[in-house]
């Protein structure tokens, strides 16, 4: 996904995390989901029409659709007060695709930062499946995971790219450990975090 797309996604995920943590009003966050989701449907469509038929070009463009469709689905679900089961099963499908992108990042591109990043995104989509399709009361945990991911997988990498240092060996090495630490914190949270929490995302209105 383009780094502009990462930047916009970081904003949406940050707001969604605050919504899940009860810090932001759901409908106002839903509006922003639709706004960015629409942008991330229009832009990859334009790129896909203008791109050649190289399968790796299409592979990269397709990843933007995963985010755009997710944000649109979240936004509509929240604003309309829909049952979240559809969003949950869609999130499971995207999580599976995320696992595929994870393995391709490792096996084909040999990029550990992208491998860890896609693995973290797949995990987050799977959490949305558990919350919305299976009605697991884990919104607070999801909110914390989303908050961390909004910064370490999206916003900060985009900013580092904008200032021209993202592809340097030092930043790459540092970010590998940042992601490892984040993953460890998520795993520890599974064992230590109490999960007495609220309704799935579709219940917010």
C-alpha atoms as a PDB file:
ATOM      1  CA  UNK A   1       0.000   0.000   0.000  1.00  0.00           C
ATOM      2  CA  UNK A   2       1.198   3.535  -0.739  1.00  0.00           C
ATOM      3  CA  UNK A   3       2.551   5.560   2.153  1.00  0.00           C
ATOM      4  CA  UNK A   4      -0.150   8.192   1.673  1.00  0.00           C
ATOM      5  CA  UNK A   5      -2.613   5.343   2.139  1.00  0.00           C
ATOM      6  CA  UNK A   6      -0.753   4.275   5.279  1.00  0.00           C
ATOM      7  CA  UNK A   7      -0.971   7.821   6.601  1.00  0.00           C
ATOM      8  CA  UNK A   8      -4.742   8.040   6.062  1.00  0.00           C
ATOM      9  CA  UNK A   9      -5.255   4.555   7.485  1.00  0.00           C
ATOM     10  CA  UNK A  10      -3.318   5.546  10.584  1.00  0.00           C
ATOM     11  CA  UNK A  11      -5.768   8.365  11.204  1.00  0.00           C
ATOM     12  CA  UNK A  12      -8.810   6.126  10.823  1.00  0.00           C
ATOM     13  CA  UNK A  13      -7.413   3.331  12.980  1.00  0.00           C
ATOM     14  CA  UNK A  14      -6.448   5.847  15.668  1.00  0.00           C
ATOM     15  CA  UNK A  15     -10.013   7.190  15.777  1.00  0.00           C
ATOM     16  CA  UNK A  16     -11.491   3.685  15.691  1.00  0.00           C
ATOM     17  CA  UNK A  17      -9.319   2.696  18.635  1.00  0.00           C
ATOM     18  CA  UNK A  18     -10.609   5.673  20.622  1.00  0.00           C
ATOM     19  CA  UNK A  19     -14.180   4.727  19.710  1.00  0.00           C
ATOM     20  CA  UNK A  20     -13.636   1.183  20.984  1.00  0.00           C
ATOM     21  CA  UNK A  21     -12.070   2.555  24.164  1.00  0.00           C
ATOM     22  CA  UNK A  22     -15.096   4.777  24.707  1.00  0.00           C
ATOM     23  CA  UNK A  23     -13.176   8.022  24.157  1.00  0.00           C
ATOM     24  CA  UNK A  24     -14.763   9.132  20.864  1.00  0.00           C
ATOM     25  CA  UNK A  25     -18.389   9.319  19.763  1.00  0.00           C
ATOM     26  CA  UNK A  26     -19.110   6.467  17.373  1.00  0.00           C
ATOM     27  CA  UNK A  27     -21.155   8.227  14.702  1.00  0.00           C
ATOM     28  CA  UNK A  28     -18.627  11.007  14.238  1.00  0.00           C
ATOM     29  CA  UNK A  29     -15.891   8.377  13.850  1.00  0.00           C
ATOM     30  CA  UNK A  30     -18.121   6.474  11.429  1.00  0.00           C
ATOM     31  CA  UNK A  31     -18.329   9.522   9.172  1.00  0.00           C
ATOM     32  CA  UNK A  32     -14.539   9.708   8.964  1.00  0.00           C
ATOM     33  CA  UNK A  33     -14.382   5.972   8.175  1.00  0.00           C
ATOM     34  CA  UNK A  34     -16.637   6.544   5.180  1.00  0.00           C
ATOM     35  CA  UNK A  35     -14.630   9.584   4.070  1.00  0.00           C
ATOM     36  CA  UNK A  36     -11.272   7.789   4.069  1.00  0.00           C
ATOM     37  CA  UNK A  37     -12.771   4.509   2.892  1.00  0.00           C
ATOM     38  CA  UNK A  38     -14.151   6.264  -0.181  1.00  0.00           C
ATOM     39  CA  UNK A  39     -10.753   7.781  -0.934  1.00  0.00           C
ATOM     40  CA  UNK A  40      -9.133   4.365  -0.613  1.00  0.00           C
ATOM     41  CA  UNK A  41     -11.578   2.915  -3.119  1.00  0.00           C
ATOM     42  CA  UNK A  42     -11.230   5.714  -5.663  1.00  0.00           C
ATOM     43  CA  UNK A  43      -7.417   5.884  -5.585  1.00  0.00           C
ATOM     44  CA  UNK A  44      -6.692   2.169  -6.135  1.00  0.00           C
ATOM     45  CA  UNK A  45      -9.360   2.030  -8.833  1.00  0.00           C
ATOM     46  CA  UNK A  46      -7.568   4.859 -10.638  1.00  0.00           C
ATOM     47  CA  UNK A  47      -4.203   3.167 -10.123  1.00  0.00           C
ATOM     48  CA  UNK A  48      -5.538  -0.164 -11.346  1.00  0.00           C
ATOM     49  CA  UNK A  49      -6.960   1.358 -14.542  1.00  0.00           C
ATOM     50  CA  UNK A  50      -3.714   3.227 -15.215  1.00  0.00           C
ATOM     51  CA  UNK A  51      -1.395   0.377 -14.285  1.00  0.00           C
ATOM     52  CA  UNK A  52      -0.148  -2.359 -16.542  1.00  0.00           C
ATOM     53  CA  UNK A  53      -1.138  -5.967 -16.083  1.00  0.00           C
ATOM     54  CA  UNK A  54       1.929  -6.896 -14.070  1.00  0.00           C
ATOM     55  CA  UNK A  55       0.577  -9.127 -11.334  1.00  0.00           C
ATOM     56  CA  UNK A  56       2.730  -7.547  -8.632  1.00  0.00           C
ATOM     57  CA  UNK A  57       1.327  -4.112  -9.485  1.00  0.00           C
ATOM     58  CA  UNK A  58      -2.175  -5.496  -9.066  1.00  0.00           C
ATOM     59  CA  UNK A  59      -1.080  -7.257  -5.870  1.00  0.00           C
ATOM     60  CA  UNK A  60       0.013  -3.945  -4.357  1.00  0.00           C
ATOM     61  CA  UNK A  61      -3.073  -2.049  -5.502  1.00  0.00           C
ATOM     62  CA  UNK A  62      -5.404  -4.764  -4.196  1.00  0.00           C
ATOM     63  CA  UNK A  63      -4.100  -4.287  -0.660  1.00  0.00           C
ATOM     64  CA  UNK A  64      -5.467  -0.726  -0.615  1.00  0.00           C
ATOM     65  CA  UNK A  65      -8.956  -2.070  -1.356  1.00  0.00           C
ATOM     66  CA  UNK A  66      -8.780  -4.232   1.774  1.00  0.00           C
ATOM     67  CA  UNK A  67      -8.471  -1.120   3.919  1.00  0.00           C
ATOM     68  CA  UNK A  68     -10.921   0.996   1.937  1.00  0.00           C
ATOM     69  CA  UNK A  69     -13.656  -1.626   2.025  1.00  0.00           C
ATOM     70  CA  UNK A  70     -13.089  -2.238   5.735  1.00  0.00           C
ATOM     71  CA  UNK A  71     -13.441   1.465   6.582  1.00  0.00           C
ATOM     72  CA  UNK A  72     -16.573   1.808   4.449  1.00  0.00           C
ATOM     73  CA  UNK A  73     -18.108  -1.268   6.073  1.00  0.00           C
ATOM     74  CA  UNK A  74     -17.278  -0.037   9.581  1.00  0.00           C
ATOM     75  CA  UNK A  75     -18.624   3.432   8.826  1.00  0.00           C
ATOM     76  CA  UNK A  76     -21.940   2.208   7.398  1.00  0.00           C
ATOM     77  CA  UNK A  77     -22.363  -0.367  10.164  1.00  0.00           C
ATOM     78  CA  UNK A  78     -21.869   2.240  12.875  1.00  0.00           C
ATOM     79  CA  UNK A  79     -23.953   5.002  11.291  1.00  0.00           C
ATOM     80  CA  UNK A  80     -26.871   2.722  10.394  1.00  0.00           C
ATOM     81  CA  UNK A  81     -26.729   0.679  13.586  1.00  0.00           C
ATOM     82  CA  UNK A  82     -26.517  -2.534  11.573  1.00  0.00           C
ATOM     83  CA  UNK A  83     -25.923  -5.985  12.948  1.00  0.00           C
ATOM     84  CA  UNK A  84     -22.152  -6.465  12.955  1.00  0.00           C
ATOM     85  CA  UNK A  85     -22.117 -10.099  11.857  1.00  0.00           C
ATOM     86  CA  UNK A  86     -21.556  -9.230   8.210  1.00  0.00           C
ATOM     87  CA  UNK A  87     -18.644  -6.976   9.131  1.00  0.00           C
ATOM     88  CA  UNK A  88     -17.263  -9.754  11.312  1.00  0.00           C
ATOM     89  CA  UNK A  89     -17.297 -12.406   8.599  1.00  0.00           C
ATOM     90  CA  UNK A  90     -15.869  -9.924   6.114  1.00  0.00           C
ATOM     91  CA  UNK A  91     -13.074  -9.240   8.619  1.00  0.00           C
ATOM     92  CA  UNK A  92     -12.328 -12.967   8.789  1.00  0.00           C
ATOM     93  CA  UNK A  93     -11.980 -13.067   4.988  1.00  0.00           C
ATOM     94  CA  UNK A  94      -9.633 -10.061   5.067  1.00  0.00           C
ATOM     95  CA  UNK A  95      -7.655 -11.641   7.924  1.00  0.00           C
ATOM     96  CA  UNK A  96      -7.077 -14.727   5.772  1.00  0.00           C
ATOM     97  CA  UNK A  97      -5.921 -12.535   2.887  1.00  0.00           C
ATOM     98  CA  UNK A  98      -3.683 -10.723   5.372  1.00  0.00           C
ATOM     99  CA  UNK A  99      -2.047 -14.033   6.287  1.00  0.00           C
ATOM    100  CA  UNK A 100      -1.366 -14.649   2.585  1.00  0.00           C
ATOM    101  CA  UNK A 101       0.254 -11.211   2.295  1.00  0.00           C
ATOM    102  CA  UNK A 102       2.277 -12.018   5.405  1.00  0.00           C
ATOM    103  CA  UNK A 103       3.741 -15.181   3.894  1.00  0.00           C
ATOM    104  CA  UNK A 104       4.398 -13.526   0.539  1.00  0.00           C
ATOM    105  CA  UNK A 105       6.247 -10.676   2.277  1.00  0.00           C
ATOM    106  CA  UNK A 106       8.469 -13.271   3.925  1.00  0.00           C
ATOM    107  CA  UNK A 107       8.879 -15.915   1.234  1.00  0.00           C
ATOM    108  CA  UNK A 108       8.994 -13.773  -1.893  1.00  0.00           C
ATOM    109  CA  UNK A 109      10.126 -10.303  -0.809  1.00  0.00           C
ATOM    110  CA  UNK A 110      12.247 -11.366   2.197  1.00  0.00           C
ATOM    111  CA  UNK A 111      11.042  -8.253   4.036  1.00  0.00           C
ATOM    112  CA  UNK A 112      10.701  -8.916   7.762  1.00  0.00           C
ATOM    113  CA  UNK A 113       9.219  -5.519   8.585  1.00  0.00           C
ATOM    114  CA  UNK A 114       6.437  -6.012   6.038  1.00  0.00           C
ATOM    115  CA  UNK A 115       6.000  -9.594   7.222  1.00  0.00           C
ATOM    116  CA  UNK A 116       5.457  -8.514  10.820  1.00  0.00           C
ATOM    117  CA  UNK A 117       3.275  -5.593   9.752  1.00  0.00           C
ATOM    118  CA  UNK A 118       0.934  -7.745   7.677  1.00  0.00           C
ATOM    119  CA  UNK A 119       0.829 -10.321  10.467  1.00  0.00           C
ATOM    120  CA  UNK A 120      -0.273  -7.629  12.905  1.00  0.00           C
ATOM    121  CA  UNK A 121      -2.955  -6.375  10.532  1.00  0.00           C
ATOM    122  CA  UNK A 122      -4.252  -9.918  10.003  1.00  0.00           C
ATOM    123  CA  UNK A 123      -4.435 -10.341  13.774  1.00  0.00           C
ATOM    124  CA  UNK A 124      -6.448  -7.127  14.151  1.00  0.00           C
ATOM    125  CA  UNK A 125      -8.922  -8.130  11.447  1.00  0.00           C
ATOM    126  CA  UNK A 126      -9.294 -11.500  13.184  1.00  0.00           C
ATOM    127  CA  UNK A 127     -10.117  -9.689  16.424  1.00  0.00           C
ATOM    128  CA  UNK A 128     -12.866  -7.785  14.615  1.00  0.00           C
ATOM    129  CA  UNK A 129     -14.211 -11.150  13.455  1.00  0.00           C
ATOM    130  CA  UNK A 130     -14.286 -12.437  17.038  1.00  0.00           C
ATOM    131  CA  UNK A 131     -16.037  -9.297  18.263  1.00  0.00           C
ATOM    132  CA  UNK A 132     -18.619  -8.848  15.537  1.00  0.00           C
ATOM    133  CA  UNK A 133     -19.348 -12.333  14.185  1.00  0.00           C
ATOM    134  CA  UNK A 134     -18.870 -14.332  17.399  1.00  0.00           C
ATOM    135  CA  UNK A 135     -19.899 -11.558  19.830  1.00  0.00           C
ATOM    136  CA  UNK A 136     -16.800 -11.862  21.993  1.00  0.00           C
ATOM    137  CA  UNK A 137     -16.653  -9.008  24.519  1.00  0.00           C
ATOM    138  CA  UNK A 138     -13.135  -7.862  23.701  1.00  0.00           C
ATOM    139  CA  UNK A 139     -13.682  -4.313  22.450  1.00  0.00           C
ATOM    140  CA  UNK A 140     -11.301  -2.778  24.973  1.00  0.00           C
ATOM    141  CA  UNK A 141      -8.503  -5.158  24.051  1.00  0.00           C
ATOM    142  CA  UNK A 142      -9.155  -4.498  20.344  1.00  0.00           C
ATOM    143  CA  UNK A 143      -9.046  -0.774  21.078  1.00  0.00           C
ATOM    144  CA  UNK A 144      -5.617  -1.064  22.665  1.00  0.00           C
ATOM    145  CA  UNK A 145      -4.269  -3.220  19.831  1.00  0.00           C
ATOM    146  CA  UNK A 146      -5.687  -0.811  17.250  1.00  0.00           C
ATOM    147  CA  UNK A 147      -4.220   2.184  19.065  1.00  0.00           C
ATOM    148  CA  UNK A 148      -0.717   0.700  19.017  1.00  0.00           C
ATOM    149  CA  UNK A 149      -1.020  -0.448  15.409  1.00  0.00           C
ATOM    150  CA  UNK A 150      -2.286   2.956  14.264  1.00  0.00           C
ATOM    151  CA  UNK A 151       1.104   4.380  15.206  1.00  0.00           C
ATOM    152  CA  UNK A 152       3.672   1.609  14.716  1.00  0.00           C
ATOM    153  CA  UNK A 153       2.333   0.079  11.468  1.00  0.00           C
ATOM    154  CA  UNK A 154       0.789   3.121   9.784  1.00  0.00           C
ATOM    155  CA  UNK A 155       1.326   6.691  10.983  1.00  0.00           C
ATOM    156  CA  UNK A 156       4.990   6.674  12.014  1.00  0.00           C
ATOM    157  CA  UNK A 157       6.215   4.563   9.053  1.00  0.00           C
ATOM    158  CA  UNK A 158       4.422   6.983   6.708  1.00  0.00           C
ATOM    159  CA  UNK A 159       5.985  10.000   8.394  1.00  0.00           C
ATOM    160  CA  UNK A 160       9.439   8.385   8.266  1.00  0.00           C
ATOM    161  CA  UNK A 161       8.937   7.746   4.562  1.00  0.00           C
ATOM    162  CA  UNK A 162       7.867  11.348   3.952  1.00  0.00           C
ATOM    163  CA  UNK A 163      11.095  12.661   5.482  1.00  0.00           C
ATOM    164  CA  UNK A 164      13.175  10.178   3.478  1.00  0.00           C
ATOM    165  CA  UNK A 165      14.554   7.863   6.162  1.00  0.00           C
ATOM    166  CA  UNK A 166      12.183   4.875   6.131  1.00  0.00           C
ATOM    167  CA  UNK A 167      14.270   2.740   3.756  1.00  0.00           C
ATOM    168  CA  UNK A 168      17.548   3.235   5.613  1.00  0.00           C
ATOM    169  CA  UNK A 169      19.106   0.108   7.237  1.00  0.00           C
ATOM    170  CA  UNK A 170      19.125   1.680  10.715  1.00  0.00           C
ATOM    171  CA  UNK A 171      15.419   2.550  10.685  1.00  0.00           C
ATOM    172  CA  UNK A 172      14.614  -0.856   9.227  1.00  0.00           C
ATOM    173  CA  UNK A 173      16.448  -2.574  12.069  1.00  0.00           C
ATOM    174  CA  UNK A 174      14.898  -0.338  14.726  1.00  0.00           C
ATOM    175  CA  UNK A 175      11.421  -0.881  13.345  1.00  0.00           C
ATOM    176  CA  UNK A 176      11.861  -4.638  13.304  1.00  0.00           C
ATOM    177  CA  UNK A 177      12.345  -4.535  17.087  1.00  0.00           C
ATOM    178  CA  UNK A 178       9.525  -2.016  17.564  1.00  0.00           C
ATOM    179  CA  UNK A 179       7.152  -4.443  15.858  1.00  0.00           C
ATOM    180  CA  UNK A 180       8.463  -7.427  17.829  1.00  0.00           C
ATOM    181  CA  UNK A 181       7.907  -5.540  21.091  1.00  0.00           C
ATOM    182  CA  UNK A 182       4.393  -4.609  19.970  1.00  0.00           C
ATOM    183  CA  UNK A 183       3.576  -8.229  19.120  1.00  0.00           C
ATOM    184  CA  UNK A 184       4.880  -9.418  22.483  1.00  0.00           C
ATOM    185  CA  UNK A 185       2.677  -6.840  24.208  1.00  0.00           C
ATOM    186  CA  UNK A 186      -0.358  -8.130  22.289  1.00  0.00           C
ATOM    187  CA  UNK A 187       0.419 -11.707  23.316  1.00  0.00           C
ATOM    188  CA  UNK A 188       0.867 -10.735  26.958  1.00  0.00           C
ATOM    189  CA  UNK A 189      -2.418  -8.858  26.765  1.00  0.00           C
ATOM    190  CA  UNK A 190      -4.198 -12.048  25.731  1.00  0.00           C
ATOM    191  CA  UNK A 191      -3.163 -13.653  29.004  1.00  0.00           C
ATOM    192  CA  UNK A 192      -3.241 -10.674  31.353  1.00  0.00           C
ATOM    193  CA  UNK A 193      -6.085  -8.523  30.111  1.00  0.00           C
ATOM    194  CA  UNK A 194      -9.501  -8.858  31.685  1.00  0.00           C
ATOM    195  CA  UNK A 195     -12.248  -9.002  29.090  1.00  0.00           C
ATOM    196  CA  UNK A 196     -15.518  -7.894  30.770  1.00  0.00           C
ATOM    197  CA  UNK A 197     -16.326  -5.641  27.853  1.00  0.00           C
ATOM    198  CA  UNK A 198     -19.138  -4.101  25.926  1.00  0.00           C
ATOM    199  CA  UNK A 199     -21.077  -4.885  22.774  1.00  0.00           C
ATOM    200  CA  UNK A 200     -19.595  -5.502  19.341  1.00  0.00           C
ATOM    201  CA  UNK A 201     -18.952  -2.483  17.164  1.00  0.00           C
ATOM    202  CA  UNK A 202     -22.379  -2.672  15.541  1.00  0.00           C
ATOM    203  CA  UNK A 203     -23.956  -1.877  18.890  1.00  0.00           C
ATOM    204  CA  UNK A 204     -22.395   1.601  19.000  1.00  0.00           C
ATOM    205  CA  UNK A 205     -24.880   4.275  17.981  1.00  0.00           C
END
